[in-house]
């Protein structure tokens, strides 16, 4: 079995990370209903960078959940040295099933 981590939880739902063919994917698990939903890959999916995910589920307000992804990308210059790329905030909504870019900050503004 490959990598499988619970990375966040909110009001009974779990946000998990797993690896398929050397690529990390994410899913939401509802242990009460025994349902698993595999999230679509976040847009852009750059090669490299750091990701932080958070799950928000408020069942008294809405049956839908949201996932926020903070993505700090980096790029390589001509000497193959890492330099800051950008910071992006992406939001996934289970209501419409899509990711959208909420904010993007150039590397020199972080």
Protein backbone atom coordinates (compact mmCIF):
# COMPACT_ATOMS: atom_id res chain seq x y z
CA UNK A 1 0.00 0.00 0.00
CA UNK A 2 1.22 3.48 -0.81
CA UNK A 3 0.97 6.70 1.14
CA UNK A 4 -2.39 7.50 2.79
CA UNK A 5 -2.68 10.36 5.27
CA UNK A 6 -5.54 12.11 7.03
CA UNK A 7 -4.56 15.76 6.67
CA UNK A 8 -7.60 17.57 8.05
CA UNK A 9 -11.08 17.02 9.43
CA UNK A 10 -14.20 19.09 9.94
CA UNK A 11 -17.47 18.09 11.61
CA UNK A 12 -17.19 14.39 10.83
CA UNK A 13 -15.60 14.58 7.36
CA UNK A 14 -11.96 13.70 6.73
CA UNK A 15 -9.72 15.21 4.06
CA UNK A 16 -7.13 12.62 3.04
CA UNK A 17 -4.12 12.42 0.76
CA UNK A 18 -3.03 9.33 -1.13
CA UNK A 19 -0.53 8.52 -3.85
CA UNK A 20 -1.39 7.03 -7.25
CA UNK A 21 1.34 6.49 -9.86
CA UNK A 22 3.74 8.87 -8.05
CA UNK A 23 1.15 11.66 -7.89
CA UNK A 24 -0.66 12.84 -4.78
CA UNK A 25 -4.45 13.00 -4.91
CA UNK A 26 -6.99 14.05 -2.31
CA UNK A 27 -10.32 12.66 -1.18
CA UNK A 28 -13.05 13.43 1.33
CA UNK A 29 -14.28 10.57 3.47
CA UNK A 30 -17.58 10.51 5.34
CA UNK A 31 -17.27 7.63 7.83
CA UNK A 32 -20.96 7.92 8.79
CA UNK A 33 -22.20 7.20 5.28
CA UNK A 34 -19.10 5.20 4.27
CA UNK A 35 -18.71 7.38 1.18
CA UNK A 36 -15.45 8.47 -0.40
CA UNK A 37 -15.21 11.31 -2.92
CA UNK A 38 -11.99 11.69 -4.90
CA UNK A 39 -11.36 15.36 -5.66
CA UNK A 40 -10.48 16.56 -9.13
CA UNK A 41 -6.86 17.65 -9.48
CA UNK A 42 -6.40 21.29 -8.56
CA UNK A 43 -5.91 23.53 -11.63
CA UNK A 44 -2.45 24.29 -12.93
CA UNK A 45 -0.78 21.58 -10.88
CA UNK A 46 2.76 23.02 -11.18
CA UNK A 47 5.80 20.76 -10.78
CA UNK A 48 7.02 21.71 -7.39
CA UNK A 49 6.04 23.85 -4.53
CA UNK A 50 4.36 23.45 -1.21
CA UNK A 51 0.70 22.78 -0.60
CA UNK A 52 -1.46 23.21 2.49
CA UNK A 53 -5.07 22.04 2.42
CA UNK A 54 -7.93 22.80 4.82
CA UNK A 55 -11.45 21.38 4.90
CA UNK A 56 -14.50 23.39 6.01
CA UNK A 57 -17.84 21.67 6.59
CA UNK A 58 -20.66 23.35 8.50
CA UNK A 59 -23.59 20.89 8.25
CA UNK A 60 -26.01 23.15 10.16
CA UNK A 61 -25.50 25.86 7.53
CA UNK A 62 -25.12 23.81 4.34
CA UNK A 63 -24.80 20.18 3.20
CA UNK A 64 -21.80 21.19 1.07
CA UNK A 65 -18.13 21.45 2.05
CA UNK A 66 -15.26 23.59 0.82
CA UNK A 67 -11.56 22.89 0.59
CA UNK A 68 -8.97 25.65 0.60
CA UNK A 69 -5.57 25.01 -0.96
CA UNK A 70 -2.66 27.35 -0.30
CA UNK A 71 -0.10 26.65 -3.01
CA UNK A 72 3.39 28.16 -2.88
CA UNK A 73 5.03 27.46 -6.21
CA UNK A 74 8.60 27.95 -7.27
CA UNK A 75 10.32 28.17 -10.61
CA UNK A 76 13.85 27.44 -11.80
CA UNK A 77 16.07 30.07 -13.36
CA UNK A 78 18.55 29.41 -16.17
CA UNK A 79 21.09 28.01 -13.67
CA UNK A 80 18.50 25.54 -12.34
CA UNK A 81 18.33 27.39 -9.04
CA UNK A 82 14.98 27.60 -7.26
CA UNK A 83 13.42 31.01 -6.92
CA UNK A 84 10.00 32.07 -5.63
CA UNK A 85 7.12 31.70 -8.03
CA UNK A 86 3.78 32.70 -6.59
CA UNK A 87 1.34 32.04 -3.80
CA UNK A 88 -2.12 30.96 -4.88
CA UNK A 89 -5.27 30.38 -2.90
CA UNK A 90 -7.58 27.86 -4.55
CA UNK A 91 -11.05 26.90 -3.34
CA UNK A 92 -12.94 23.72 -4.15
CA UNK A 93 -16.71 23.70 -3.62
CA UNK A 94 -18.62 20.43 -3.39
CA UNK A 95 -21.73 22.35 -4.42
CA UNK A 96 -20.48 22.92 -7.97
CA UNK A 97 -17.63 20.35 -8.04
CA UNK A 98 -14.94 22.72 -9.29
CA UNK A 99 -11.76 24.46 -8.16
CA UNK A 100 -11.41 28.22 -8.58
CA UNK A 101 -8.47 30.51 -8.00
CA UNK A 102 -9.42 32.92 -5.24
CA UNK A 103 -6.18 34.93 -5.03
CA UNK A 104 -2.76 34.88 -6.65
CA UNK A 105 0.27 36.75 -5.33
CA UNK A 106 3.49 37.13 -7.35
CA UNK A 107 6.64 35.84 -5.62
CA UNK A 108 7.96 39.32 -4.91
CA UNK A 109 4.80 40.21 -2.92
CA UNK A 110 4.90 37.28 -0.49
